[in-house]
N, C-alpha and C. Protein backbone atom coordinates (compact mmCIF):
# COMPACT_ATOMS: atom_id res chain seq x y z
N ARG A 1 120.28 -138.07 -104.15
CA ARG A 1 119.36 -136.84 -104.62
C ARG A 1 119.30 -135.96 -103.91
N ALA A 2 119.60 -134.38 -103.82
CA ALA A 2 119.50 -133.46 -103.08
C ALA A 2 117.43 -133.36 -102.61
N VAL A 3 117.64 -133.25 -101.14
CA VAL A 3 116.47 -133.02 -100.40
C VAL A 3 116.00 -131.53 -100.96
N LEU A 4 115.16 -131.56 -101.53
CA LEU A 4 114.26 -130.04 -102.14
C LEU A 4 113.94 -129.24 -100.38
N PRO A 5 113.65 -127.76 -100.34
CA PRO A 5 113.16 -127.34 -99.59
C PRO A 5 111.86 -128.04 -99.34
N GLU A 6 110.96 -127.30 -98.60
CA GLU A 6 109.32 -127.90 -98.09
C GLU A 6 108.78 -126.46 -99.03
N LEU A 7 107.85 -126.73 -100.03
CA LEU A 7 106.95 -125.45 -100.37
C LEU A 7 106.17 -124.84 -99.32
N PRO A 8 106.29 -123.47 -99.51
CA PRO A 8 105.79 -122.81 -97.72
C PRO A 8 104.05 -123.34 -98.23
N SER A 9 103.84 -123.24 -96.82
CA SER A 9 102.07 -122.47 -96.58
C SER A 9 101.87 -121.36 -95.83
N GLN A 10 102.91 -121.24 -95.24
CA GLN A 10 102.90 -119.39 -94.44
C GLN A 10 104.26 -118.98 -95.20
N TYR A 11 103.32 -117.78 -95.65
CA TYR A 11 104.49 -116.64 -96.65
C TYR A 11 104.04 -115.67 -96.66
N VAL A 12 104.78 -114.78 -96.98
CA VAL A 12 104.38 -113.07 -97.18
C VAL A 12 105.23 -112.77 -98.93
N VAL A 13 103.69 -112.72 -99.38
CA VAL A 13 103.93 -112.00 -100.84
C VAL A 13 104.23 -110.69 -100.79
N ILE A 14 105.51 -110.50 -101.74
CA ILE A 14 106.28 -108.93 -101.82
C ILE A 14 105.98 -108.35 -103.45
N ASP A 15 105.61 -107.27 -103.31
CA ASP A 15 105.65 -106.49 -104.74
C ASP A 15 106.14 -105.31 -104.76
N VAL A 16 107.29 -104.87 -105.23
CA VAL A 16 107.70 -103.61 -105.33
C VAL A 16 107.44 -102.89 -106.74
N GLU A 17 106.85 -101.43 -106.88
CA GLU A 17 106.97 -100.70 -108.09
C GLU A 17 108.31 -99.89 -108.01
N THR A 18 108.62 -99.77 -109.50
CA THR A 18 110.07 -98.78 -109.62
C THR A 18 109.95 -97.74 -110.81
N THR A 19 110.98 -96.95 -110.93
CA THR A 19 110.88 -95.97 -111.81
C THR A 19 111.26 -96.54 -113.32
N GLY A 20 111.37 -97.61 -113.12
CA GLY A 20 112.36 -98.50 -114.25
C GLY A 20 112.67 -99.90 -114.01
N LEU A 21 113.50 -100.29 -114.81
CA LEU A 21 113.51 -101.81 -114.75
C LEU A 21 115.20 -102.16 -114.40
N SER A 22 116.08 -100.71 -114.42
CA SER A 22 117.34 -100.88 -114.02
C SER A 22 117.63 -101.06 -112.42
N GLU A 23 118.83 -101.35 -112.19
CA GLU A 23 119.50 -101.48 -110.96
C GLU A 23 119.44 -99.92 -110.20
N LYS A 24 119.33 -98.92 -110.78
CA LYS A 24 119.13 -97.62 -110.36
C LYS A 24 118.06 -97.35 -110.43
N SER A 25 117.02 -97.85 -110.62
CA SER A 25 115.67 -96.74 -110.34
C SER A 25 115.46 -97.08 -109.01
N ASP A 26 114.34 -95.99 -108.65
CA ASP A 26 113.89 -95.43 -107.31
C ASP A 26 112.50 -97.00 -107.46
N ILE A 27 112.50 -97.10 -106.09
CA ILE A 27 111.20 -97.65 -105.65
C ILE A 27 109.94 -96.46 -105.02
N ILE A 28 108.95 -96.96 -105.81
CA ILE A 28 108.03 -95.98 -105.71
C ILE A 28 106.51 -96.87 -104.94
N GLU A 29 106.78 -97.92 -104.66
CA GLU A 29 105.70 -98.46 -103.89
C GLU A 29 106.25 -100.08 -103.39
N ILE A 30 105.85 -100.21 -102.27
CA ILE A 30 106.22 -101.49 -101.86
C ILE A 30 104.48 -101.91 -101.35
N GLY A 31 104.69 -103.66 -101.52
CA GLY A 31 103.26 -104.33 -101.00
C GLY A 31 103.52 -105.26 -100.67
N CYS A 32 102.46 -105.94 -99.23
CA CYS A 32 103.25 -107.04 -98.99
C CYS A 32 101.75 -108.07 -98.39
N ILE A 33 101.48 -108.94 -98.60
CA ILE A 33 100.48 -109.71 -98.20
C ILE A 33 101.10 -110.91 -97.10
N ARG A 34 100.20 -111.14 -95.94
CA ARG A 34 100.52 -112.25 -95.33
C ARG A 34 100.06 -113.41 -95.38
N CYS A 35 99.84 -114.47 -95.88
CA CYS A 35 98.99 -115.82 -95.89
C CYS A 35 99.56 -117.16 -95.15
N GLU A 36 98.42 -117.64 -94.81
CA GLU A 36 98.38 -118.75 -93.78
C GLU A 36 97.36 -119.62 -93.80
N GLY A 37 98.00 -120.65 -94.34
CA GLY A 37 96.92 -121.78 -94.56
C GLY A 37 95.97 -121.88 -96.12
N GLY A 38 96.43 -121.05 -96.67
CA GLY A 38 95.50 -120.45 -98.11
C GLY A 38 95.42 -119.06 -97.60
N GLN A 39 95.03 -118.50 -97.26
CA GLN A 39 94.50 -117.78 -96.66
C GLN A 39 95.18 -116.33 -96.48
N VAL A 40 94.61 -114.86 -97.16
CA VAL A 40 95.41 -113.63 -96.78
C VAL A 40 94.70 -113.25 -95.63
N ILE A 41 95.93 -113.12 -94.84
CA ILE A 41 95.32 -112.58 -92.97
C ILE A 41 95.97 -111.06 -92.68
N ASN A 42 96.82 -110.57 -93.61
CA ASN A 42 97.29 -108.83 -93.12
C ASN A 42 97.92 -108.40 -94.49
N SER A 43 97.93 -107.15 -94.62
CA SER A 43 98.56 -106.84 -95.53
C SER A 43 99.56 -105.50 -95.25
N PHE A 44 100.16 -104.84 -96.12
CA PHE A 44 100.94 -103.78 -95.89
C PHE A 44 101.14 -103.32 -97.28
N ASN A 45 101.01 -101.73 -97.22
CA ASN A 45 101.24 -101.23 -98.72
C ASN A 45 101.66 -99.75 -98.33
N SER A 46 102.72 -99.17 -99.15
CA SER A 46 103.01 -97.76 -99.18
C SER A 46 103.45 -97.01 -100.30
N LEU A 47 103.17 -96.02 -100.45
CA LEU A 47 103.46 -95.31 -101.42
C LEU A 47 104.88 -94.43 -101.09
N ILE A 48 105.93 -94.21 -101.86
CA ILE A 48 107.04 -93.51 -101.63
C ILE A 48 107.31 -92.14 -102.02
N LYS A 49 107.78 -91.48 -101.23
CA LYS A 49 108.32 -90.35 -102.06
C LYS A 49 109.42 -90.41 -102.84
N ILE A 50 110.15 -89.90 -104.16
CA ILE A 50 111.51 -89.84 -104.36
C ILE A 50 111.65 -88.32 -104.70
N SER A 51 113.08 -88.40 -105.09
CA SER A 51 113.58 -86.96 -105.27
C SER A 51 113.40 -86.36 -107.00
N GLY A 52 113.39 -87.55 -107.48
CA GLY A 52 113.09 -87.22 -109.09
C GLY A 52 111.34 -87.25 -109.37
N HIS A 53 111.10 -87.39 -110.72
CA HIS A 53 109.80 -87.35 -111.12
C HIS A 53 109.74 -88.58 -111.39
N ILE A 54 108.45 -89.14 -111.64
CA ILE A 54 108.02 -90.48 -111.99
C ILE A 54 108.07 -90.82 -113.53
N PRO A 55 108.69 -91.58 -114.69
CA PRO A 55 108.56 -91.33 -116.22
C PRO A 55 107.19 -91.06 -116.75
N GLU A 56 106.93 -90.79 -117.46
CA GLU A 56 105.51 -90.83 -118.14
C GLU A 56 105.02 -92.40 -118.15
N SER A 57 106.38 -92.92 -118.85
CA SER A 57 105.78 -94.07 -119.09
C SER A 57 104.99 -95.42 -118.05
N ILE A 58 105.73 -94.79 -116.67
CA ILE A 58 105.53 -95.84 -115.29
C ILE A 58 104.38 -95.25 -114.88
N THR A 59 104.05 -93.89 -115.20
CA THR A 59 102.72 -93.47 -114.57
C THR A 59 101.86 -93.95 -115.53
N LYS A 60 102.00 -94.14 -116.95
CA LYS A 60 100.87 -94.94 -117.62
C LYS A 60 100.59 -96.20 -117.31
N LEU A 61 101.86 -96.75 -117.12
CA LEU A 61 101.57 -98.31 -116.69
C LEU A 61 100.85 -98.65 -115.38
N THR A 62 101.15 -97.63 -114.20
CA THR A 62 101.02 -98.55 -112.99
C THR A 62 99.93 -97.13 -112.26
N GLY A 63 100.00 -96.25 -112.91
CA GLY A 63 99.02 -95.46 -112.66
C GLY A 63 99.45 -94.54 -111.52
N ILE A 64 100.45 -94.56 -110.69
CA ILE A 64 101.08 -93.61 -110.05
C ILE A 64 101.66 -92.30 -110.73
N THR A 65 101.25 -91.55 -109.91
CA THR A 65 101.71 -89.97 -110.14
C THR A 65 102.67 -89.27 -109.23
N ASP A 66 103.33 -88.28 -109.90
CA ASP A 66 104.18 -87.41 -108.91
C ASP A 66 103.14 -86.91 -107.73
N GLU A 67 101.87 -86.42 -107.98
CA GLU A 67 101.04 -85.83 -106.89
C GLU A 67 100.52 -86.63 -105.72
N MET A 68 100.67 -87.84 -106.30
CA MET A 68 100.17 -88.92 -105.27
C MET A 68 101.56 -89.38 -104.13
N LEU A 69 102.17 -89.35 -104.80
CA LEU A 69 103.73 -89.47 -104.07
C LEU A 69 104.44 -88.80 -102.96
N GLU A 70 103.62 -87.39 -103.67
CA GLU A 70 103.58 -86.05 -102.82
C GLU A 70 103.00 -85.73 -101.47
N SER A 71 101.49 -86.12 -102.18
CA SER A 71 100.60 -85.69 -101.03
C SER A 71 100.40 -87.41 -100.02
N THR A 72 100.74 -88.45 -100.55
CA THR A 72 100.64 -89.84 -99.37
C THR A 72 101.78 -90.63 -99.32
N GLY A 73 102.95 -90.42 -99.90
CA GLY A 73 103.93 -91.14 -100.00
C GLY A 73 105.05 -91.21 -98.81
N VAL A 74 105.59 -91.66 -98.13
CA VAL A 74 106.19 -91.81 -97.12
C VAL A 74 108.01 -91.95 -97.45
N ALA A 75 108.96 -91.38 -96.63
CA ALA A 75 110.24 -91.64 -96.70
C ALA A 75 110.68 -92.89 -97.26
N ILE A 76 111.60 -93.58 -97.64
CA ILE A 76 112.24 -94.79 -98.34
C ILE A 76 112.53 -95.46 -96.76
N LYS A 77 112.99 -94.83 -96.20
CA LYS A 77 113.63 -95.33 -94.43
C LYS A 77 112.34 -95.78 -93.86
N ASP A 78 111.20 -94.99 -93.59
CA ASP A 78 110.25 -95.62 -93.19
C ASP A 78 109.35 -96.43 -93.74
N ALA A 79 109.14 -96.35 -94.89
CA ALA A 79 108.79 -97.84 -95.38
C ALA A 79 109.72 -98.81 -95.71
N MET A 80 110.91 -98.96 -95.65
CA MET A 80 111.75 -100.02 -95.41
C MET A 80 111.62 -100.72 -94.32
N ASN A 81 111.50 -99.92 -92.88
CA ASN A 81 111.81 -100.58 -91.40
C ASN A 81 110.33 -100.94 -91.08
N GLU A 82 108.98 -100.72 -92.00
CA GLU A 82 107.97 -101.01 -91.65
C GLU A 82 107.61 -102.53 -92.39
N PHE A 83 108.45 -102.49 -93.89
CA PHE A 83 108.11 -103.67 -94.47
C PHE A 83 108.85 -104.94 -93.89
N LEU A 84 110.31 -104.42 -93.10
CA LEU A 84 111.11 -105.35 -92.31
C LEU A 84 110.12 -105.77 -91.03
N ARG A 85 109.57 -105.13 -90.64
CA ARG A 85 109.00 -105.69 -89.38
C ARG A 85 107.84 -106.91 -90.14
N PHE A 86 107.29 -106.20 -90.92
CA PHE A 86 106.35 -107.01 -91.41
C PHE A 86 106.42 -108.44 -92.03
N CYS A 87 107.47 -108.31 -92.48
CA CYS A 87 108.05 -109.66 -93.09
C CYS A 87 108.31 -110.55 -91.97
N GLY A 88 109.29 -109.82 -91.32
CA GLY A 88 109.92 -110.76 -89.96
C GLY A 88 111.08 -111.96 -90.95
N ASP A 89 110.82 -113.02 -89.98
CA ASP A 89 111.50 -114.20 -90.96
C ASP A 89 111.13 -114.98 -91.86
N ASP A 90 109.69 -114.62 -92.40
CA ASP A 90 108.68 -116.00 -93.04
C ASP A 90 109.83 -115.85 -94.26
N VAL A 91 109.07 -116.95 -95.16
CA VAL A 91 109.43 -117.26 -96.52
C VAL A 91 108.86 -116.23 -97.31
N LEU A 92 109.75 -115.26 -98.19
CA LEU A 92 109.23 -114.45 -99.33
C LEU A 92 108.56 -114.78 -100.31
N LEU A 93 107.73 -114.70 -100.80
CA LEU A 93 107.37 -114.99 -102.15
C LEU A 93 106.86 -113.79 -103.26
N GLY A 94 107.22 -114.26 -104.51
CA GLY A 94 107.26 -113.23 -105.55
C GLY A 94 106.95 -113.46 -107.11
N TYR A 95 106.64 -112.60 -107.99
CA TYR A 95 106.80 -113.30 -109.39
C TYR A 95 107.74 -112.32 -109.96
N ASN A 96 108.70 -113.15 -110.58
CA ASN A 96 109.95 -112.90 -110.82
C ASN A 96 110.54 -111.99 -109.73
N ILE A 97 110.98 -112.93 -108.45
CA ILE A 97 111.18 -112.14 -107.23
C ILE A 97 112.58 -111.35 -107.21
N CYS A 98 113.36 -111.64 -108.26
CA CYS A 98 114.82 -111.69 -108.17
C CYS A 98 114.94 -109.83 -108.36
N PHE A 99 113.55 -109.23 -109.20
CA PHE A 99 113.46 -108.17 -109.25
C PHE A 99 113.38 -107.00 -108.06
N ASP A 100 112.25 -107.73 -107.41
CA ASP A 100 112.24 -107.07 -106.19
C ASP A 100 113.62 -107.17 -105.17
N MET A 101 113.80 -108.05 -104.97
CA MET A 101 114.76 -108.36 -104.22
C MET A 101 116.02 -107.55 -104.51
N GLN A 102 116.31 -107.58 -105.94
CA GLN A 102 117.31 -106.58 -106.03
C GLN A 102 117.42 -105.29 -105.53
N HIS A 103 116.19 -104.41 -105.88
CA HIS A 103 115.93 -103.14 -105.30
C HIS A 103 115.63 -103.36 -103.96
N LEU A 104 114.85 -104.41 -103.19
CA LEU A 104 114.89 -103.93 -101.82
C LEU A 104 116.18 -104.16 -101.04
N ARG A 105 117.07 -104.82 -101.18
CA ARG A 105 118.52 -105.24 -100.89
C ARG A 105 119.43 -104.23 -100.71
N LYS A 106 119.12 -103.44 -102.34
CA LYS A 106 120.02 -102.28 -102.44
C LYS A 106 119.16 -101.01 -101.47
N ALA A 107 118.02 -101.47 -101.26
CA ALA A 107 117.41 -99.93 -100.01
C ALA A 107 118.29 -100.02 -98.87
N CYS A 108 118.36 -101.46 -98.80
CA CYS A 108 118.81 -101.78 -97.30
C CYS A 108 120.35 -101.27 -96.99
N GLU A 109 120.56 -101.56 -97.61
CA GLU A 109 122.40 -101.18 -98.07
C GLU A 109 122.56 -99.83 -97.81
N THR A 110 121.84 -99.13 -98.73
CA THR A 110 121.93 -97.83 -98.85
C THR A 110 121.33 -97.25 -97.42
N LEU A 111 120.62 -97.55 -96.87
CA LEU A 111 120.01 -96.86 -95.80
C LEU A 111 120.42 -97.54 -94.47
N ASP A 112 121.68 -98.55 -94.58
CA ASP A 112 121.71 -98.66 -93.25
C ASP A 112 121.12 -100.01 -92.57
N LEU A 113 120.16 -100.61 -92.98
CA LEU A 113 119.50 -101.47 -92.62
C LEU A 113 119.52 -102.83 -92.26
N PRO A 114 119.06 -103.63 -91.59
CA PRO A 114 119.34 -105.20 -91.81
C PRO A 114 119.34 -105.86 -93.09
N ALA A 115 120.09 -106.13 -93.39
CA ALA A 115 119.97 -107.19 -94.60
C ALA A 115 118.88 -108.24 -94.86
N ILE A 116 118.21 -108.48 -95.82
CA ILE A 116 117.17 -108.89 -95.65
C ILE A 116 117.88 -110.78 -96.36
N VAL A 117 117.31 -111.61 -95.21
CA VAL A 117 118.03 -112.74 -95.44
C VAL A 117 117.12 -114.46 -95.63
N ASN A 118 115.68 -113.58 -95.35
CA ASN A 118 114.67 -114.27 -95.51
C ASN A 118 114.97 -115.42 -97.13
N PRO A 119 114.31 -116.80 -96.95
CA PRO A 119 114.28 -117.69 -98.10
C PRO A 119 113.42 -117.24 -98.94
N ALA A 120 113.52 -117.09 -100.53
CA ALA A 120 112.61 -116.56 -101.10
C ALA A 120 112.30 -116.94 -102.33
N PHE A 121 111.11 -117.40 -102.65
CA PHE A 121 110.83 -118.00 -103.70
C PHE A 121 109.80 -117.56 -105.05
N ASP A 122 110.60 -118.10 -105.90
CA ASP A 122 110.06 -117.16 -107.18
C ASP A 122 108.67 -117.72 -107.97
N VAL A 123 107.59 -117.53 -107.70
CA VAL A 123 106.28 -117.69 -108.54
C VAL A 123 106.11 -117.88 -110.14
N MET A 124 107.00 -117.30 -110.19
CA MET A 124 107.70 -117.17 -111.71
C MET A 124 107.87 -118.62 -112.46
N ARG A 125 109.09 -118.71 -111.54
CA ARG A 125 109.83 -120.30 -112.05
C ARG A 125 108.71 -121.49 -111.46
N PHE A 126 108.09 -121.14 -110.40
CA PHE A 126 107.50 -122.19 -110.06
C PHE A 126 105.98 -122.31 -111.26
N ALA A 127 105.92 -121.41 -111.87
CA ALA A 127 104.82 -121.45 -113.12
C ALA A 127 105.70 -122.09 -114.37
N ARG A 128 106.55 -121.82 -114.52
CA ARG A 128 107.42 -122.26 -115.57
C ARG A 128 107.68 -123.45 -115.69
N LYS A 129 107.87 -124.12 -114.34
CA LYS A 129 107.73 -125.81 -114.14
C LYS A 129 106.79 -126.59 -114.28
N ASN A 130 105.57 -126.25 -114.32
CA ASN A 130 104.67 -126.66 -114.49
C ASN A 130 103.51 -126.39 -115.05
N ILE A 131 103.61 -124.99 -116.01
CA ILE A 131 102.85 -125.22 -117.50
C ILE A 131 103.47 -124.98 -118.38
N ARG A 132 103.06 -125.80 -119.39
CA ARG A 132 104.09 -126.14 -120.32
C ARG A 132 104.17 -125.67 -121.54
N ASP A 133 102.57 -124.94 -121.98
CA ASP A 133 102.58 -124.63 -123.36
C ASP A 133 102.14 -122.65 -123.45
N LEU A 134 103.19 -122.23 -122.76
CA LEU A 134 103.19 -120.67 -122.66
C LEU A 134 104.19 -120.27 -123.55
N SER A 135 104.14 -119.19 -124.26
CA SER A 135 105.23 -118.15 -125.14
C SER A 135 105.48 -116.93 -123.91
N ARG A 136 104.71 -116.82 -123.28
CA ARG A 136 104.59 -115.43 -122.35
C ARG A 136 104.70 -115.98 -120.90
N TRP A 137 105.38 -115.15 -120.09
CA TRP A 137 105.11 -115.72 -119.04
C TRP A 137 104.98 -114.69 -117.76
N GLY A 138 104.06 -113.48 -118.48
CA GLY A 138 103.81 -112.36 -117.47
C GLY A 138 102.89 -112.82 -116.58
N LEU A 139 102.51 -112.29 -115.50
CA LEU A 139 101.73 -112.44 -114.30
C LEU A 139 100.42 -112.63 -114.60
N ASP A 140 100.03 -111.84 -115.79
CA ASP A 140 98.52 -111.80 -116.41
C ASP A 140 98.39 -112.86 -117.62
N ASP A 141 99.60 -113.81 -118.14
CA ASP A 141 99.40 -114.85 -118.95
C ASP A 141 99.18 -115.70 -118.22
N VAL A 142 99.89 -116.02 -117.32
CA VAL A 142 99.70 -117.08 -116.00
C VAL A 142 98.35 -116.93 -115.43
N ALA A 143 97.92 -115.99 -115.06
CA ALA A 143 96.56 -116.05 -114.60
C ALA A 143 95.92 -116.46 -115.79
N LYS A 144 95.51 -115.86 -117.02
CA LYS A 144 94.85 -116.35 -117.81
C LYS A 144 94.78 -117.86 -118.27
N LYS A 145 95.95 -118.00 -118.19
CA LYS A 145 95.97 -119.40 -118.53
C LYS A 145 95.32 -120.46 -117.74
N LEU A 146 95.17 -120.00 -116.16
CA LEU A 146 95.05 -121.00 -114.72
C LEU A 146 93.67 -120.59 -114.53
N ASN A 147 93.17 -119.52 -115.86
CA ASN A 147 91.20 -119.18 -115.24
C ASN A 147 91.58 -118.77 -114.23
N ILE A 148 92.14 -117.77 -113.57
CA ILE A 148 92.14 -116.55 -112.45
C ILE A 148 91.69 -115.30 -112.95
N GLU A 149 90.57 -114.90 -112.35
CA GLU A 149 90.18 -113.86 -112.70
C GLU A 149 91.21 -112.40 -112.12
N TYR A 150 91.34 -111.52 -112.49
CA TYR A 150 92.08 -110.08 -111.83
C TYR A 150 91.57 -108.92 -112.45
N GLY A 151 91.99 -107.92 -112.00
CA GLY A 151 91.50 -106.65 -112.25
C GLY A 151 92.99 -105.94 -112.46
N ARG A 152 93.22 -104.94 -111.85
CA ARG A 152 94.13 -103.94 -112.01
C ARG A 152 95.58 -104.86 -111.77
N LEU A 153 96.43 -104.28 -112.62
CA LEU A 153 97.68 -105.10 -112.50
C LEU A 153 98.66 -103.54 -112.43
N HIS A 154 100.38 -104.22 -112.10
CA HIS A 154 100.89 -102.78 -111.81
C HIS A 154 100.88 -102.20 -110.70
N ARG A 155 99.91 -102.14 -109.17
CA ARG A 155 99.92 -101.64 -108.45
C ARG A 155 100.61 -102.89 -107.53
N SER A 156 100.90 -102.69 -106.30
CA SER A 156 101.89 -103.71 -105.48
C SER A 156 100.84 -104.74 -105.03
N ILE A 157 99.78 -104.48 -104.15
CA ILE A 157 98.67 -104.97 -103.28
C ILE A 157 98.02 -106.02 -104.76
N ASP A 158 97.76 -105.31 -105.80
CA ASP A 158 96.78 -106.15 -106.67
C ASP A 158 97.96 -107.01 -107.19
N ASP A 159 99.29 -106.77 -107.46
CA ASP A 159 100.09 -108.16 -108.14
C ASP A 159 100.29 -109.03 -107.07
N CYS A 160 100.47 -108.67 -105.67
CA CYS A 160 100.36 -109.62 -104.79
C CYS A 160 99.47 -110.64 -104.60
N ILE A 161 98.26 -110.35 -104.88
CA ILE A 161 96.95 -110.90 -104.28
C ILE A 161 97.03 -111.89 -105.80
N LEU A 162 97.34 -111.53 -107.17
CA LEU A 162 97.01 -112.22 -108.27
C LEU A 162 98.66 -113.05 -108.01
N THR A 163 99.71 -112.81 -107.41
CA THR A 163 101.03 -113.97 -107.50
C THR A 163 100.58 -114.94 -106.17
N TYR A 164 99.63 -114.72 -104.93
CA TYR A 164 99.09 -115.31 -104.36
C TYR A 164 98.28 -116.29 -104.85
N LYS A 165 97.14 -115.92 -105.69
CA LYS A 165 96.09 -116.69 -106.24
C LYS A 165 96.91 -117.97 -106.93
N ILE A 166 97.99 -117.67 -107.94
CA ILE A 166 98.35 -118.00 -108.96
C ILE A 166 99.46 -119.52 -108.06
N TYR A 167 100.29 -118.86 -106.72
CA TYR A 167 100.92 -120.19 -106.21
C TYR A 167 99.78 -121.05 -105.50
N GLU A 168 98.55 -120.29 -104.87
CA GLU A 168 97.92 -121.42 -104.27
C GLU A 168 97.05 -122.33 -105.40
N LYS A 169 96.78 -121.48 -106.88
CA LYS A 169 95.91 -122.53 -107.74
C LYS A 169 96.82 -123.73 -108.30
N LEU A 170 98.74 -123.52 -107.91
CA LEU A 170 99.13 -124.25 -108.73
C LEU A 170 99.15 -125.54 -107.66
N LEU A 171 99.47 -124.95 -106.31
CA LEU A 171 99.74 -126.19 -105.43
C LEU A 171 98.92 -126.76 -105.08
N PHE A 172 97.48 -126.32 -104.92
CA PHE A 172 96.39 -127.14 -104.15
C PHE A 172 95.40 -127.87 -105.06
N ASP A 173 95.33 -127.29 -106.30
CA ASP A 173 93.98 -127.36 -107.39
C ASP A 173 94.45 -128.39 -108.47
N GLY A 174 95.35 -129.11 -107.64
CA GLY A 174 95.90 -130.21 -108.91
C GLY A 174 96.90 -129.77 -109.85
N THR A 175 97.28 -128.85 -110.11
CA THR A 175 98.19 -128.05 -111.10
C THR A 175 99.65 -128.34 -111.13
N TYR A 176 99.72 -128.21 -109.77
CA TYR A 176 101.27 -128.72 -109.32
C TYR A 176 101.47 -129.70 -109.75
N ASP A 177 102.90 -129.86 -109.97
CA ASP A 177 103.49 -131.20 -110.56
C ASP A 177 105.04 -131.32 -110.24
N SER A 178 105.74 -130.03 -110.27
CA SER A 178 107.46 -130.32 -109.52
C SER A 178 107.95 -128.63 -109.66
N TYR A 179 108.90 -128.58 -109.28
CA TYR A 179 109.48 -127.65 -108.63
C TYR A 179 110.72 -128.17 -108.25
N GLY A 180 112.17 -127.07 -108.51
CA GLY A 180 113.19 -127.32 -108.38
C GLY A 180 114.08 -126.38 -107.29
N ALA A 181 115.07 -126.55 -106.87
CA ALA A 181 116.02 -125.89 -105.65
C ALA A 181 116.22 -124.31 -106.26
N ASP A 182 115.80 -123.91 -107.72
CA ASP A 182 116.32 -122.77 -108.05
C ASP A 182 115.10 -122.06 -108.02
N THR A 183 114.02 -122.74 -107.67
CA THR A 183 113.03 -121.71 -107.43
C THR A 183 112.89 -120.95 -106.47
N PHE A 184 113.77 -121.32 -105.15
CA PHE A 184 114.25 -120.66 -104.28
C PHE A 184 115.37 -119.85 -104.31
N ASN A 185 115.76 -119.83 -105.30
CA ASN A 185 117.23 -119.24 -105.17
C ASN A 185 117.00 -118.00 -106.56
N GLU A 186 116.74 -116.48 -105.95
CA GLU A 186 116.53 -115.79 -106.99
C GLU A 186 117.77 -114.85 -106.85
N SER A 187 118.61 -115.14 -106.65
CA SER A 187 120.15 -114.70 -107.05
C SER A 187 121.13 -115.02 -108.17
N SER A 188 120.42 -115.94 -108.58
CA SER A 188 121.41 -117.08 -109.83
C SER A 188 121.73 -115.97 -111.00
N ASN A 189 122.91 -116.31 -111.71
CA ASN A 189 122.93 -115.58 -112.83
C ASN A 189 121.59 -115.32 -113.62
N THR A 190 121.04 -116.61 -114.10
CA THR A 190 119.91 -116.40 -114.93
C THR A 190 119.03 -115.63 -114.31
N ASP A 191 118.61 -115.61 -112.85
CA ASP A 191 117.64 -114.54 -112.64
C ASP A 191 118.11 -113.33 -112.59
N LYS A 192 119.37 -112.75 -112.58
CA LYS A 192 119.83 -111.15 -112.76
C LYS A 192 119.56 -110.60 -114.33
N LYS A 193 119.67 -111.91 -115.09
CA LYS A 193 119.13 -111.74 -116.72
C LYS A 193 117.90 -111.47 -116.63
N LEU A 194 116.98 -111.97 -115.79
CA LEU A 194 115.24 -111.99 -116.00
C LEU A 194 115.33 -110.48 -115.63
N ASN A 195 115.86 -109.90 -114.65
CA ASN A 195 115.77 -108.24 -114.13
C ASN A 195 115.73 -107.37 -115.16
N GLN A 196 116.22 -107.63 -116.85
CA GLN A 196 116.09 -106.99 -117.30
C GLN A 196 115.13 -107.14 -118.38
N ASN A 197 114.43 -107.92 -118.09
CA ASN A 197 113.46 -108.30 -119.28
C ASN A 197 111.92 -107.72 -119.37
N THR A 198 110.89 -107.88 -119.56
CA THR A 198 109.94 -107.00 -119.31
C THR A 198 108.68 -108.10 -118.58
N GLU A 199 109.24 -109.34 -118.07
CA GLU A 199 108.30 -110.44 -117.74
C GLU A 199 107.79 -109.81 -116.04
N LYS A 200 108.20 -109.09 -115.50
CA LYS A 200 107.87 -108.39 -114.42
C LYS A 200 106.63 -107.71 -114.69
N ARG A 201 106.58 -107.05 -115.64
CA ARG A 201 105.54 -106.14 -116.14
C ARG A 201 104.75 -106.68 -116.86
């Protein structure tokens, strides 16, 4: 029987907001929180300027506007450099993390930045292995099932914090039962199919 990787207790939760669900969508926000011993100890958040316009549906979903990107956004290369520095070599956690990693890895490739090689842990897969009676697996659906309070969704830091709360609830409150090696593998064919669905949203 294969030895499974150890579940991380020190990690960085990541989340990106984009102009859509396709691989060609632009990143408009990156958020991260660093967690150690069950506590959030640091955070990074940046809006990102883009050459085009944010679709109306994305503005409605996230609350992010063209004006916000223009006034407070930074260049994607600056944001990515800061993201890479913030994450270091730590394990990365995310909710349907394949979506985030796909866009972040593409950005690194496009900008000629170092490739992201950190271990990546999918909290959505972890939840699906431990919650048996849900028909929808959105971030809010799982939070409600676990009686976790939350406010705004679809902004990077808010989604990071909720992802962290779900992970810690499953891990330490007696809900956690099992996980598989695929929980660490965000690049499988199954995960690629998840990029196209709405569970990230």
